[in-house]
C-alpha atoms as a PDB file:
ATOM      1  CA  MET A   1      -6.260  13.789   5.240  1.00  0.00           C
ATOM      2  CA  LYS A   2      -4.358  15.107   8.250  1.00  0.00           C
ATOM      3  CA  LYS A   3      -7.687  15.424  10.033  1.00  0.00           C
ATOM      4  CA  LEU A   4      -8.407  11.771   9.293  1.00  0.00           C
ATOM      5  CA  LEU A   5      -5.000  10.424  10.286  1.00  0.00           C
ATOM      6  CA  GLY A   6      -4.425  12.775  13.158  1.00  0.00           C
ATOM      7  CA  ILE A   7      -7.712  11.870  14.828  1.00  0.00           C
ATOM      8  CA  VAL A   8      -7.205   8.891  12.526  1.00  0.00           C
ATOM      9  CA  VAL A   9      -1.631 -22.730  13.775  1.00  0.00           C
ATOM     10  CA  MET A  10       1.041 -24.297  11.942  1.00  0.00           C
ATOM     11  CA  GLY A  11       4.601 -24.881  13.051  1.00  0.00           C
ATOM     12  CA  LEU A  12       6.858 -22.519  11.144  1.00  0.00           C
ATOM     13  CA  MET A  13       8.973 -24.244   8.545  1.00  0.00           C
ATOM     14  CA  TRP A  14      11.183 -21.186   8.460  1.00  0.00           C
ATOM     15  CA  ILE A  15      10.839 -17.456   8.971  1.00  0.00           C
ATOM     16  CA  ILE A  16      13.858 -15.278   8.292  1.00  0.00           C
ATOM     17  CA  PRO A  17      13.886 -11.849   9.962  1.00  0.00           C
ATOM     18  CA  ALA A  18      15.343  -8.710   8.463  1.00  0.00           C
ATOM     19  CA  SER A  19      18.448  -7.980  10.511  1.00  0.00           C
ATOM     20  CA  ALA A  20      19.492  -4.506  11.601  1.00  0.00           C
ATOM     21  CA  ASN A  21      22.128  -4.457   8.869  1.00  0.00           C
ATOM     22  CA  GLU A  22      19.571  -5.372   6.224  1.00  0.00           C
ATOM     23  CA  TRP A  23      17.239  -2.625   7.399  1.00  0.00           C
ATOM     24  CA  SER A  24      19.925   0.023   7.269  1.00  0.00           C
ATOM     25  CA  LYS A  25      21.044  -1.124   3.841  1.00  0.00           C
ATOM     26  CA  ASP A  26      17.493  -1.133   2.432  1.00  0.00           C
ATOM     27  CA  GLN A  27      16.221   2.190   3.725  1.00  0.00           C
ATOM     28  CA  GLY A  28      15.867   4.767   1.015  1.00  0.00           C
ATOM     29  CA  THR A  29      18.117   2.922  -1.427  1.00  0.00           C
ATOM     30  CA  ASN A  30      17.335   2.090  -5.018  1.00  0.00           C
ATOM     31  CA  ASP A  31      19.573  -0.912  -5.530  1.00  0.00           C
ATOM     32  CA  ILE A  32      17.181  -3.696  -4.596  1.00  0.00           C
ATOM     33  CA  THR A  33      14.831  -4.811  -7.360  1.00  0.00           C
ATOM     34  CA  ILE A  34      11.940  -6.793  -5.965  1.00  0.00           C
ATOM     35  CA  ASN A  35      11.667  -8.973  -9.065  1.00  0.00           C
ATOM     36  CA  GLN A  36      15.272 -10.080  -8.693  1.00  0.00           C
ATOM     37  CA  GLY A  37      16.611  -9.137  -5.311  1.00  0.00           C
ATOM     38  CA  LEU A  38      14.218  -9.374  -2.375  1.00  0.00           C
ATOM     39  CA  SER A  39      14.151 -13.146  -2.086  1.00  0.00           C
ATOM     40  CA  GLU A  40      17.879 -13.545  -2.668  1.00  0.00           C
ATOM     41  CA  HIS A  41      18.551 -10.675  -0.278  1.00  0.00           C
ATOM     42  CA  GLN A  42      16.694 -12.571   2.468  1.00  0.00           C
ATOM     43  CA  GLY A  43      18.373 -15.878   1.674  1.00  0.00           C
ATOM     44  CA  PHE A  44      15.803 -17.279  -0.749  1.00  0.00           C
ATOM     45  CA  ASN A  45      15.953 -17.993  -4.452  1.00  0.00           C
ATOM     46  CA  SER A  46      14.151 -15.177  -6.268  1.00  0.00           C
ATOM     47  CA  LYS A  47      11.814 -17.582  -8.059  1.00  0.00           C
ATOM     48  CA  ASN A  48      10.192 -18.291  -4.681  1.00  0.00           C
ATOM     49  CA  PHE A  49       8.722 -14.791  -4.459  1.00  0.00           C
ATOM     50  CA  ASN A  50       7.241 -13.380  -7.638  1.00  0.00           C
ATOM     51  CA  THR A  51       5.845  -9.866  -7.887  1.00  0.00           C
ATOM     52  CA  ASN A  52       5.208  -9.716 -11.627  1.00  0.00           C
ATOM     53  CA  GLY A  53       5.784  -6.219 -12.907  1.00  0.00           C
ATOM     54  CA  TRP A  54       6.234  -4.058  -9.814  1.00  0.00           C
ATOM     55  CA  GLY A  55       9.231  -1.745  -9.544  1.00  0.00           C
ATOM     56  CA  ARG A  56      12.103  -1.718  -7.089  1.00  0.00           C
ATOM     57  CA  LEU A  57      11.562  -2.311  -3.385  1.00  0.00           C
ATOM     58  CA  GLU A  58      12.383   0.371  -0.807  1.00  0.00           C
ATOM     59  CA  PHE A  59      11.687   0.178   2.883  1.00  0.00           C
ATOM     60  CA  ILE A  60      10.256   3.426   4.233  1.00  0.00           C
ATOM     61  CA  ALA A  61      13.134   4.791   6.285  1.00  0.00           C
ATOM     62  CA  ILE A  62      11.033   5.606   9.366  1.00  0.00           C
ATOM     63  CA  SER A  63       9.624   2.076   9.610  1.00  0.00           C
ATOM     64  CA  SER A  64       9.979   0.289  12.934  1.00  0.00           C
ATOM     65  CA  LYS A  65      13.060  -1.953  12.764  1.00  0.00           C
ATOM     66  CA  ASN A  66      12.660  -4.685  15.390  1.00  0.00           C
ATOM     67  CA  ASP A  67      13.350  -8.300  14.420  1.00  0.00           C
ATOM     68  CA  TRP A  68       9.642  -9.183  14.547  1.00  0.00           C
ATOM     69  CA  ASN A  69       8.451  -6.307  12.346  1.00  0.00           C
ATOM     70  CA  TYR A  70       9.180  -7.826   8.926  1.00  0.00           C
ATOM     71  CA  ASN A  71       9.814 -11.421   7.879  1.00  0.00           C
ATOM     72  CA  LEU A  72       9.372 -13.786   4.966  1.00  0.00           C
ATOM     73  CA  ASP A  73       7.156 -16.756   5.874  1.00  0.00           C
ATOM     74  CA  SER A  74       7.111 -20.123   4.081  1.00  0.00           C
ATOM     75  CA  SER A  75       4.494 -21.678   6.336  1.00  0.00           C
ATOM     76  CA  PHE A  76       1.577 -19.481   5.309  1.00  0.00           C
ATOM     77  CA  THR A  77       1.054 -18.305   1.741  1.00  0.00           C
ATOM     78  CA  ARG A  78      -1.704 -17.443  -0.729  1.00  0.00           C
ATOM     79  CA  ASP A  79       0.241 -18.409  -3.836  1.00  0.00           C
ATOM     80  CA  GLY A  80       3.807 -19.610  -4.217  1.00  0.00           C
ATOM     81  CA  ASP A  81       6.336 -20.573  -1.580  1.00  0.00           C
ATOM     82  CA  ILE A  82       6.611 -17.518   0.692  1.00  0.00           C
ATOM     83  CA  SER A  83       4.596 -14.530   1.855  1.00  0.00           C
ATOM     84  CA  GLN A  84       5.625 -11.273   3.515  1.00  0.00           C
ATOM     85  CA  ARG A  85       4.729 -11.047   7.195  1.00  0.00           C
ATOM     86  CA  PHE A  86       4.360  -7.679   8.979  1.00  0.00           C
ATOM     87  CA  GLU A  87       3.917  -7.452  12.758  1.00  0.00           C
ATOM     88  CA  PHE A  88       3.366  -4.261  14.768  1.00  0.00           C
ATOM     89  CA  ARG A  89       3.470  -4.396  18.590  1.00  0.00           C
ATOM     90  CA  PRO A  90       2.677  -1.809  21.288  1.00  0.00           C
ATOM     91  CA  GLY A  91       5.442   0.788  21.482  1.00  0.00           C
ATOM     92  CA  ASP A  92       6.766   0.122  17.978  1.00  0.00           C
ATOM     93  CA  CYS A  93       7.793   3.192  15.982  1.00  0.00           C
ATOM     94  CA  GLY A  94      10.654   4.373  13.824  1.00  0.00           C
ATOM     95  CA  LYS A  95      12.659   7.407  12.793  1.00  0.00           C
ATOM     96  CA  ASP A  96      15.410   8.619  10.520  1.00  0.00           C
ATOM     97  CA  LYS A  97      17.662  11.688  10.540  1.00  0.00           C
ATOM     98  CA  THR A  98      14.899  14.071   9.489  1.00  0.00           C
ATOM     99  CA  TYR A  99      11.605  12.620  10.757  1.00  0.00           C
ATOM    100  CA  SER A 100      10.260  10.502  13.621  1.00  0.00           C
ATOM    101  CA  ASP A 101       6.958   8.734  14.245  1.00  0.00           C
ATOM    102  CA  CYS A 102       8.081   8.176  17.838  1.00  0.00           C
ATOM    103  CA  VAL A 103       7.452  11.796  18.885  1.00  0.00           C
ATOM    104  CA  ARG A 104       3.935  11.901  17.457  1.00  0.00           C
ATOM    105  CA  GLY A 105       0.959  11.501  19.759  1.00  0.00           C
ATOM    106  CA  ASP A 106       0.896  11.336  23.541  1.00  0.00           C
ATOM    107  CA  TRP A 107       3.347   8.449  23.930  1.00  0.00           C
ATOM    108  CA  GLU A 108       5.968   6.563  21.947  1.00  0.00           C
ATOM    109  CA  GLY A 109       4.186   4.128  19.682  1.00  0.00           C
ATOM    110  CA  ALA A 110       0.975   6.134  19.317  1.00  0.00           C
ATOM    111  CA  TYR A 111       2.014   6.409  15.655  1.00  0.00           C
ATOM    112  CA  GLY A 112       4.080   3.882  13.734  1.00  0.00           C
ATOM    113  CA  ARG A 113       4.599   1.914  10.559  1.00  0.00           C
ATOM    114  CA  ILE A 114       6.301  -0.943   8.762  1.00  0.00           C
ATOM    115  CA  GLU A 115       5.963   0.071   5.111  1.00  0.00           C
ATOM    116  CA  GLN A 116       7.576  -0.598   1.778  1.00  0.00           C
ATOM    117  CA  ASN A 117       7.531   1.359  -1.478  1.00  0.00           C
ATOM    118  CA  LEU A 118       7.127  -0.223  -4.883  1.00  0.00           C
ATOM    119  CA  GLY A 119       8.102   2.401  -7.418  1.00  0.00           C
ATOM    120  CA  ASP A 120       9.400   2.963 -10.947  1.00  0.00           C
ATOM    121  CA  SER A 121       7.220   0.252 -12.487  1.00  0.00           C
ATOM    122  CA  ASN A 122       6.533   2.614 -15.404  1.00  0.00           C
ATOM    123  CA  ARG A 123      10.162   3.612 -15.892  1.00  0.00           C
ATOM    124  CA  LYS A 124      10.151   2.514 -19.564  1.00  0.00           C
ATOM    125  CA  ASN A 125       7.189   4.752 -20.329  1.00  0.00           C
ATOM    126  CA  LYS A 126       6.817   8.530 -20.234  1.00  0.00           C
ATOM    127  CA  CYS A 127       5.877   8.485 -16.551  1.00  0.00           C
ATOM    128  CA  LEU A 128       7.670   9.006 -13.277  1.00  0.00           C
ATOM    129  CA  HIS A 129       6.091   6.125 -11.341  1.00  0.00           C
ATOM    130  CA  ASP A 130       2.569   5.006 -12.311  1.00  0.00           C
ATOM    131  CA  CYS A 131       0.188   6.872 -14.606  1.00  0.00           C
ATOM    132  CA  GLY A 132      -2.330   5.885 -17.247  1.00  0.00           C
ATOM    133  CA  GLU A 133      -4.141   2.557 -17.283  1.00  0.00           C
ATOM    134  CA  VAL A 134      -2.856  -0.093 -14.868  1.00  0.00           C
ATOM    135  CA  PHE A 135      -3.974  -3.401 -13.360  1.00  0.00           C
ATOM    136  CA  TYR A 136      -2.814  -4.195  -9.809  1.00  0.00           C
ATOM    137  CA  ALA A 137      -3.268  -7.344  -7.746  1.00  0.00           C
ATOM    138  CA  TRP A 138      -2.243  -8.466  -4.279  1.00  0.00           C
ATOM    139  CA  SER A 139      -3.550 -10.658  -1.476  1.00  0.00           C
ATOM    140  CA  ILE A 140      -3.764  -9.744   2.191  1.00  0.00           C
ATOM    141  CA  PHE A 141      -4.476 -11.771   5.337  1.00  0.00           C
ATOM    142  CA  ILE A 142      -5.259 -10.049   8.663  1.00  0.00           C
ATOM    143  CA  ASP A 143      -4.673 -12.287  11.666  1.00  0.00           C
ATOM    144  CA  ASN A 144      -7.770 -13.297  13.646  1.00  0.00           C
ATOM    145  CA  ASN A 145      -6.266 -11.970  16.883  1.00  0.00           C
ATOM    146  CA  VAL A 146      -6.017  -8.397  15.562  1.00  0.00           C
ATOM    147  CA  LYS A 147      -8.432  -6.225  17.526  1.00  0.00           C
ATOM    148  CA  LEU A 148      -8.443  -2.478  17.040  1.00  0.00           C
ATOM    149  CA  LEU A 149      -9.367  -0.447  20.115  1.00  0.00           C
ATOM    150  CA  ASP A 150     -10.945   2.961  20.722  1.00  0.00           C
ATOM    151  CA  ASP A 151      -9.976   5.279  17.836  1.00  0.00           C
ATOM    152  CA  GLN A 152      -7.073   3.172  16.568  1.00  0.00           C
ATOM    153  CA  LEU A 153      -6.629   3.405  12.786  1.00  0.00           C
ATOM    154  CA  LEU A 154      -4.949   0.795  10.593  1.00  0.00           C
ATOM    155  CA  GLN A 155      -3.877   1.467   7.000  1.00  0.00           C
ATOM    156  CA  MET A 156      -2.578  -1.483   4.974  1.00  0.00           C
ATOM    157  CA  GLY A 157      -1.903  -0.132   1.514  1.00  0.00           C
ATOM    158  CA  GLN A 158      -1.953   3.183  -0.299  1.00  0.00           C
ATOM    159  CA  PHE A 159      -1.158   4.786  -3.632  1.00  0.00           C
ATOM    160  CA  LYS A 160       0.477   8.128  -2.949  1.00  0.00           C
ATOM    161  CA  PHE A 161       2.311  10.981  -4.670  1.00  0.00           C
ATOM    162  CA  GLU A 162       5.928  11.626  -3.744  1.00  0.00           C
ATOM    163  CA  ASN A 163       6.331  14.686  -1.525  1.00  0.00           C
ATOM    164  CA  LYS A 164       7.879  16.746  -4.349  1.00  0.00           C
ATOM    165  CA  THR A 165       4.860  16.043  -6.544  1.00  0.00           C
ATOM    166  CA  TRP A 166       2.429  16.677  -3.709  1.00  0.00           C
ATOM    167  CA  GLY A 167       4.047  20.048  -3.010  1.00  0.00           C
ATOM    168  CA  LYS A 168       3.867  21.114  -6.658  1.00  0.00           C
ATOM    169  CA  ILE A 169       0.187  20.205  -6.816  1.00  0.00           C
ATOM    170  CA  LEU A 170      -0.545  22.297  -3.713  1.00  0.00           C
ATOM    171  CA  LYS A 171       1.301  25.231  -5.266  1.00  0.00           C
ATOM    172  CA  LYS A 172      -0.565  24.850  -8.552  1.00  0.00           C
ATOM    173  CA  SER A 173      -3.921  24.834  -6.724  1.00  0.00           C
ATOM    174  CA  LYS A 174      -3.221  28.387  -5.426  1.00  0.00           C
ATOM    175  CA  GLY A 175      -4.919  27.786  -2.106  1.00  0.00           C
ATOM    176  CA  LYS A 176      -7.828  25.656  -3.348  1.00  0.00           C
ATOM    177  CA  CYS A 177      -6.196  22.673  -1.601  1.00  0.00           C
ATOM    178  CA  SER A 178      -4.345  22.884   1.731  1.00  0.00           C
ATOM    179  CA  THR A 179      -1.916  20.750   3.711  1.00  0.00           C
ATOM    180  CA  GLU A 180      -4.627  20.406   6.376  1.00  0.00           C
ATOM    181  CA  ASP A 181      -6.598  18.225   3.969  1.00  0.00           C
ATOM    182  CA  PHE A 182      -4.472  17.023   1.095  1.00  0.00           C
ATOM    183  CA  ALA A 183      -1.541  14.703   1.819  1.00  0.00           C
ATOM    184  CA  GLY A 184      -1.112  13.325  -1.693  1.00  0.00           C
ATOM    185  CA  VAL A 185      -3.111  10.120  -1.120  1.00  0.00           C
ATOM    186  CA  ASN A 186      -4.644   8.822  -4.359  1.00  0.00           C
ATOM    187  CA  LEU A 187      -6.059   5.629  -2.892  1.00  0.00           C
ATOM    188  CA  MET A 188      -5.880   4.142   0.605  1.00  0.00           C
ATOM    189  CA  PHE A 189      -7.235   1.005   2.273  1.00  0.00           C
ATOM    190  CA  LEU A 190      -7.994   1.657   5.946  1.00  0.00           C
ATOM    191  CA  TRP A 191      -9.800   0.084   8.877  1.00  0.00           C
ATOM    192  CA  ASP A 192     -10.957   1.580  12.160  1.00  0.00           C
ATOM    193  CA  PRO A 193     -12.782  -0.200  15.039  1.00  0.00           C
ATOM    194  CA  HIS A 194     -16.038   1.640  14.342  1.00  0.00           C
ATOM    195  CA  GLY A 195     -16.569   0.230  10.853  1.00  0.00           C
ATOM    196  CA  GLY A 196     -15.325  -2.040   8.111  1.00  0.00           C
ATOM    197  CA  LEU A 197     -12.484  -1.894   5.630  1.00  0.00           C
ATOM    198  CA  ASP A 198     -12.818   1.341   3.670  1.00  0.00           C
ATOM    199  CA  VAL A 199     -11.404   2.865   0.524  1.00  0.00           C
ATOM    200  CA  TYR A 200     -10.329   6.470   1.079  1.00  0.00           C
ATOM    201  CA  ARG A 201      -9.249   8.921  -1.621  1.00  0.00           C
ATOM    202  CA  GLU A 202      -8.137  12.540  -1.829  1.00  0.00           C
ATOM    203  CA  ILE A 203      -8.593  14.588  -4.999  1.00  0.00           C
ATOM    204  CA  CYS A 204      -6.883  17.953  -5.372  1.00  0.00           C
ATOM    205  CA  ASP A 205      -8.225  19.439  -8.594  1.00  0.00           C
ATOM    206  CA  ALA A 206      -6.199  22.630  -9.116  1.00  0.00           C
ATOM    207  CA  LYS A 207      -9.193  24.233 -10.844  1.00  0.00           C
ATOM    208  CA  LYS A 208     -12.135  22.956  -8.770  1.00  0.00           C
ATOM    209  CA  GLY A 209     -10.524  22.467  -5.358  1.00  0.00           C
ATOM    210  CA  TYR A 210     -10.367  19.622  -2.846  1.00  0.00           C
ATOM    211  CA  SER A 211     -12.700  16.645  -2.405  1.00  0.00           C
ATOM    212  CA  GLU A 212     -12.654  13.249  -0.697  1.00  0.00           C
ATOM    213  CA  VAL A 213     -14.114   9.805  -1.303  1.00  0.00           C
ATOM    214  CA  ARG A 214     -14.661   7.233   1.448  1.00  0.00           C
ATOM    215  CA  GLU A 215     -16.683   4.048   1.005  1.00  0.00           C
ATOM    216  CA  GLU A 216     -16.908   0.768   2.893  1.00  0.00           C
ATOM    217  CA  LEU A 217     -15.532  -2.199   0.943  1.00  0.00           C
ATOM    218  CA  LEU A 218     -15.911  -4.941   3.562  1.00  0.00           C
ATOM    219  CA  LYS A 219     -18.238  -5.233   6.541  1.00  0.00           C
ATOM    220  CA  PRO A 220     -16.655  -5.382  10.048  1.00  0.00           C
ATOM    221  CA  GLY A 221     -17.192  -9.134  10.381  1.00  0.00           C
ATOM    222  CA  ASN A 222     -15.665  -9.900   6.990  1.00  0.00           C
ATOM    223  CA  ILE A 223     -12.131  -8.562   7.333  1.00  0.00           C
ATOM    224  CA  LYS A 224     -10.005 -10.993   9.356  1.00  0.00           C
ATOM    225  CA  GLY A 225      -9.122 -14.650   9.213  1.00  0.00           C
ATOM    226  CA  GLU A 226      -9.052 -15.313   5.459  1.00  0.00           C
ATOM    227  CA  TRP A 227      -7.089 -14.242   2.432  1.00  0.00           C
ATOM    228  CA  LYS A 228      -8.556 -11.252   0.603  1.00  0.00           C
ATOM    229  CA  ASP A 229      -7.562 -10.993  -3.048  1.00  0.00           C
ATOM    230  CA  ILE A 230      -7.493  -7.337  -4.109  1.00  0.00           C
ATOM    231  CA  LEU A 231      -7.576  -6.293  -7.754  1.00  0.00           C
ATOM    232  CA  VAL A 232      -7.515  -2.661  -8.831  1.00  0.00           C
ATOM    233  CA  HIS A 233      -8.089  -1.613 -12.443  1.00  0.00           C
ATOM    234  CA  THR A 234      -7.658   2.106 -12.944  1.00  0.00           C
ATOM    235  CA  ASN A 235      -6.850   4.834 -15.397  1.00  0.00           C
ATOM    236  CA  TRP A 236      -4.912   7.483 -13.446  1.00  0.00           C
ATOM    237  CA  SER A 237      -6.367  10.334 -15.470  1.00  0.00           C
ATOM    238  CA  ASP A 238      -7.433  13.902 -14.677  1.00  0.00           C
ATOM    239  CA  LYS A 239     -10.058  13.825 -17.431  1.00  0.00           C
ATOM    240  CA  LYS A 240     -13.458  12.254 -18.056  1.00  0.00           C
ATOM    241  CA  ASN A 241     -11.826   9.048 -19.286  1.00  0.00           C
ATOM    242  CA  GLY A 242     -10.521   8.252 -15.796  1.00  0.00           C
ATOM    243  CA  PHE A 243     -11.904   5.246 -13.942  1.00  0.00           C
ATOM    244  CA  LEU A 244     -11.315   3.146 -10.843  1.00  0.00           C
ATOM    245  CA  TYR A 245     -12.597  -0.377 -10.222  1.00  0.00           C
ATOM    246  CA  ILE A 246     -11.785  -2.271  -7.026  1.00  0.00           C
ATOM    247  CA  TYR A 247     -12.530  -5.977  -6.654  1.00  0.00           C
ATOM    248  CA  VAL A 248     -12.270  -8.137  -3.531  1.00  0.00           C
ATOM    249  CA  ASN A 249     -12.227 -11.904  -4.078  1.00  0.00           C
ATOM    250  CA  GLY A 250     -13.561 -11.392  -7.586  1.00  0.00           C
ATOM    251  CA  LYS A 251     -16.472  -9.139  -6.593  1.00  0.00           C
ATOM    252  CA  LEU A 252     -16.702  -5.498  -7.712  1.00  0.00           C
ATOM    253  CA  VAL A 253     -16.918  -3.421  -4.504  1.00  0.00           C
ATOM    254  CA  HIS A 254     -16.072   0.113  -5.685  1.00  0.00           C
ATOM    255  CA  GLU A 255     -16.426   2.037  -8.940  1.00  0.00           C
ATOM    256  CA  GLU A 256     -15.607   5.625  -9.974  1.00  0.00           C
ATOM    257  CA  HIS A 257     -15.457   7.530 -13.247  1.00  0.00           C
ATOM    258  CA  GLY A 258     -13.949  10.906 -14.186  1.00  0.00           C
ATOM    259  CA  ASN A 259     -10.984  12.689 -12.641  1.00  0.00           C
ATOM    260  CA  ILE A 260      -9.133  10.019 -10.632  1.00  0.00           C
ATOM    261  CA  ILE A 261      -5.637  11.499 -10.218  1.00  0.00           C
ATOM    262  CA  GLY A 262      -6.704  15.080  -9.389  1.00  0.00           C
ATOM    263  CA  THR A 263      -3.998  17.246 -10.963  1.00  0.00           C
ATOM    264  CA  LYS A 264      -1.177  16.173 -13.254  1.00  0.00           C
ATOM    265  CA  ILE A 265       2.314  17.506 -12.608  1.00  0.00           C
ATOM    266  CA  LYS A 266       5.497  17.095 -14.630  1.00  0.00           C
ATOM    267  CA  ARG A 267       8.860  16.389 -13.025  1.00  0.00           C
ATOM    268  CA  GLU A 268      12.113  15.564 -14.785  1.00  0.00           C
ATOM    269  CA  GLY A 269      10.264  15.991 -18.089  1.00  0.00           C
ATOM    270  CA  LYS A 270       7.786  13.214 -17.266  1.00  0.00           C
ATOM    271  CA  GLU A 271       4.282  13.004 -15.865  1.00  0.00           C
ATOM    272  CA  SER A 272       4.678  12.402 -12.131  1.00  0.00           C
ATOM    273  CA  GLY A 273       2.462   9.505 -11.110  1.00  0.00           C
ATOM    274  CA  THR A 274       1.677   7.552  -7.979  1.00  0.00           C
ATOM    275  CA  ILE A 275       3.633   5.010  -5.896  1.00  0.00           C
ATOM    276  CA  PHE A 276       2.254   1.970  -4.055  1.00  0.00           C
ATOM    277  CA  ARG A 277       3.112   1.608  -0.366  1.00  0.00           C
ATOM    278  CA  TYR A 278       2.062  -1.458   1.575  1.00  0.00           C
ATOM    279  CA  GLY A 279       2.524  -3.049   4.974  1.00  0.00           C
ATOM    280  CA  ILE A 280       1.226  -1.552   8.220  1.00  0.00           C
ATOM    281  CA  TYR A 281       0.712   2.096   9.104  1.00  0.00           C
ATOM    282  CA  THR A 282      -1.197   2.804  12.302  1.00  0.00           C
ATOM    283  CA  ASN A 283      -1.999   5.706  14.592  1.00  0.00           C
ATOM    284  CA  ARG A 284      -3.979   6.669  17.683  1.00  0.00           C
ATOM    285  CA  ASN A 285      -2.637   3.471  19.208  1.00  0.00           C
ATOM    286  CA  PRO A 286      -3.398   2.794  22.890  1.00  0.00           C
ATOM    287  CA  LYS A 287      -0.515   1.740  25.135  1.00  0.00           C
ATOM    288  CA  GLU A 288      -1.662  -1.883  25.085  1.00  0.00           C
ATOM    289  CA  PHE A 289      -3.279  -3.838  22.257  1.00  0.00           C
ATOM    290  CA  ASN A 290      -2.970  -7.200  20.525  1.00  0.00           C
ATOM    291  CA  PRO A 291      -0.091  -7.336  18.039  1.00  0.00           C
ATOM    292  CA  ILE A 292      -1.196  -6.417  14.528  1.00  0.00           C
ATOM    293  CA  ILE A 293      -0.127  -9.202  12.148  1.00  0.00           C
ATOM    294  CA  VAL A 294      -0.735  -8.907   8.411  1.00  0.00           C
ATOM    295  CA  HIS A 295       0.518 -11.097   5.548  1.00  0.00           C
ATOM    296  CA  PHE A 296       0.912  -9.900   1.944  1.00  0.00           C
ATOM    297  CA  ASP A 297       1.336 -12.206  -1.038  1.00  0.00           C
ATOM    298  CA  ALA A 298       0.625 -12.631  -4.763  1.00  0.00           C
ATOM    299  CA  LEU A 299       1.634  -9.111  -5.844  1.00  0.00           C
ATOM    300  CA  ALA A 300       1.354  -8.323  -9.541  1.00  0.00           C
ATOM    301  CA  ARG A 301       1.109  -5.295 -11.807  1.00  0.00           C
ATOM    302  CA  SER A 302       0.580  -4.761 -15.527  1.00  0.00           C
ATOM    303  CA  ASN A 303      -0.450  -1.984 -17.913  1.00  0.00           C
ATOM    304  CA  LYS A 304      -2.637  -4.543 -19.685  1.00  0.00           C
ATOM    305  CA  CYS A 305      -4.436  -7.684 -18.590  1.00  0.00           C
ATOM    306  CA  ASN A 306      -2.128  -9.717 -20.831  1.00  0.00           C
ATOM    307  CA  LYS A 307      -1.214 -13.412 -20.875  1.00  0.00           C
ATOM    308  CA  LYS A 308       1.333 -13.050 -18.089  1.00  0.00           C
ATOM    309  CA  PHE A 309      -1.052 -11.173 -15.816  1.00  0.00           C
ATOM    310  CA  ASN A 310      -3.870 -13.594 -16.685  1.00  0.00           C
ATOM    311  CA  LYS A 311      -1.640 -16.511 -15.701  1.00  0.00           C
ATOM    312  CA  HIS A 312      -1.068 -14.848 -12.341  1.00  0.00           C
ATOM    313  CA  LEU A 313      -4.821 -14.426 -11.872  1.00  0.00           C
ATOM    314  CA  GLU A 314      -5.489 -18.035 -12.869  1.00  0.00           C
ATOM    315  CA  GLY A 315      -3.201 -19.142 -10.053  1.00  0.00           C
ATOM    316  CA  LEU A 316      -5.623 -17.403  -7.686  1.00  0.00           C
ATOM    317  CA  GLY A 317      -8.748 -18.776  -9.351  1.00  0.00           C
ATOM    318  CA  TYR A 318      -9.634 -15.807 -11.580  1.00  0.00           C
ATOM    319  CA  SER A 319      -9.074 -14.626 -15.152  1.00  0.00           C
ATOM    320  CA  CYS A 320      -8.764 -11.333 -17.039  1.00  0.00           C
ATOM    321  CA  SER A 321     -12.268 -11.754 -18.465  1.00  0.00           C
ATOM    322  CA  GLN A 322     -13.726 -11.164 -14.997  1.00  0.00           C
ATOM    323  CA  PHE A 323     -12.068  -7.751 -14.693  1.00  0.00           C
ATOM    324  CA  THR A 324     -12.306  -6.336 -18.213  1.00  0.00           C
ATOM    325  CA  ALA A 325     -16.011  -6.756 -18.921  1.00  0.00           C
ATOM    326  CA  HIS A 326     -17.113  -3.533 -17.176  1.00  0.00           C
END
């Protein structure tokens, strides 16, 4: 993974930026629940922004923190009244007390991110974060003016182990997996200028060793300028009963069976699962490029494709029957 990442118009009705105080309050804290607090925290009524079953929201502390980096947008949505708008400009980067993207690469801004965590959605079950069978849904819109250059790499969503879990898995593998390859990424959506939108996965099997999966989901000319509805149905298992189905706009574009999670680890007496990060993470940025603008909307999560999740899908023009017949 390190090899990959290291080499790797309407008038606005209203957009409310995240102020410096809001950023500092949100970073690394656990007191903002996205189902109840994000919209109110930004000055909206929470019913305007539904996320249906995800856990609490946490900004990644080393995200870039300029006024333009993160906003809620009422003028452009997939479903509902507001979407989340991420914008990354040349020179953007962030840092905290222990880590900095700004010192990576040959100049400030070669690496950077505006990312959020959605964790603890399985807190009522015997899991630390997500494990077992889960349905996920979200919609993403990449602005038409986004143009990646040279070897620039853009990642817009990933399921990832926490560092403590990742470290325990490496230790359990007894050298079969290394930090040069395995960075704890269970599932990543990435785009580089030489191809389309890909799915990328790392599997550290403590018994069999390290392996990767990378497959194109969307062709280069079919990425920007329209909403893409993503649905993931998976069983985060390390056994033969594991599976992973990825749909884009209702079409099955990726399928796997068998060991999906790699190696299971227990922490705090629970199985330690995966966390969803989304937004913008980019590296190998040139000094000048068009701003990267990405909208996210219609987030939902459920352990079953139940009535509530089906209602969410119906609002997008789909139904559970389309995603449970495989």
